[in-house]
Protein backbone atom coordinates (compact mmCIF):
# COMPACT_ATOMS: atom_id res chain seq x y z
CA MET A 1 79.50 -34.52 171.82
CA GLY A 2 76.65 -33.15 173.91
CA LYS A 3 77.27 -32.37 177.54
CA TYR A 4 80.81 -33.78 177.46
CA SER A 5 81.98 -31.43 174.70
CA VAL A 6 83.12 -28.74 177.15
CA LEU A 7 85.17 -31.17 179.24
CA LEU A 8 86.72 -32.82 176.18
CA ASN A 9 87.56 -29.45 174.65
CA VAL A 10 89.24 -28.24 177.85
CA ILE A 11 91.28 -31.42 178.22
CA LEU A 12 92.40 -31.37 174.59
CA PHE A 13 93.30 -27.67 174.85
CA SER A 14 95.33 -28.28 178.00
CA VAL A 15 97.18 -31.32 176.68
CA TYR A 16 97.87 -29.63 173.33
CA HIS A 17 100.03 -27.08 175.16
CA PHE A 18 102.59 -29.80 175.88
CA TRP A 19 105.52 -27.37 176.22
CA SER A 20 104.27 -26.42 179.69
CA PRO A 21 103.15 -29.69 181.27
CA TRP A 22 103.26 -28.16 184.76
CA LEU A 23 100.21 -26.07 183.81
CA ILE A 24 97.96 -28.85 182.46
CA ILE A 25 95.98 -29.33 185.68
CA ALA A 26 95.78 -25.57 186.29
CA ARG A 27 94.55 -25.03 182.73
CA ILE A 28 91.87 -27.68 183.09
CA LEU A 29 90.62 -26.24 186.38
CA GLY A 30 90.84 -22.64 185.19
CA MET A 31 89.40 -23.14 181.73
CA LEU A 32 86.47 -25.37 182.61
CA PRO A 33 84.22 -22.56 183.92
CA LEU A 34 85.27 -20.25 181.09
CA TYR A 35 84.56 -22.85 178.40
CA TYR A 36 81.25 -23.64 180.02
CA CYS A 37 80.26 -19.95 179.87
CA VAL A 38 81.27 -19.77 176.21
CA TYR A 39 79.27 -22.93 175.52
CA LYS A 40 76.17 -21.61 177.26
CA LYS A 41 76.39 -18.11 175.71
CA ASP A 42 77.26 -19.51 172.26
CA SER A 43 79.37 -16.42 171.60
CA LEU A 44 82.34 -16.31 169.26
CA LYS A 45 83.47 -12.97 170.71
CA LEU A 46 83.54 -14.43 174.20
CA ALA A 47 85.49 -17.46 172.94
CA ILE A 48 88.09 -15.18 171.36
CA LEU A 49 88.36 -13.13 174.55
CA VAL A 50 88.83 -16.26 176.66
CA HIS A 51 91.54 -17.53 174.32
CA CYS A 52 93.37 -14.19 174.50
CA LEU A 53 93.17 -14.21 178.30
CA VAL A 54 94.60 -17.71 178.46
CA ASN A 55 97.45 -16.77 176.13
CA PHE A 56 98.18 -13.72 178.28
CA THR A 57 98.22 -15.87 181.40
CA ASP A 58 100.68 -18.27 179.77
CA VAL A 59 103.00 -15.41 178.81
CA VAL A 60 102.91 -13.94 182.30
CA SER A 61 103.59 -17.31 183.96
CA PHE A 62 106.46 -17.98 181.56
CA MET A 63 107.95 -14.55 182.27
CA LEU A 64 107.76 -15.22 186.01
CA LEU A 65 109.61 -18.49 185.52
CA LEU A 66 112.43 -16.66 183.75
CA LYS A 67 113.08 -14.35 186.69
C-alpha cells in the first residue's frame, strides 16, 4: 500500500472497534503518529506496545464512562 498503508491501517483499526463509535475520531488522531513511528522503526515490539497502550486507554475511558 506504500505511503497510504499507515493511514489505511489506522482507519481500519478505528472503525473495527465499532462498539465505541464516539472514539473513532480520537483513535484516528491519536494512533496516526504512533502507527507512523511503528512503520518507520519497523519494530514488532513497538507495535505490540502501542497496541497494549491503546487497549489500556480504551479500558480507562470505558471505566470513566461507568462512573
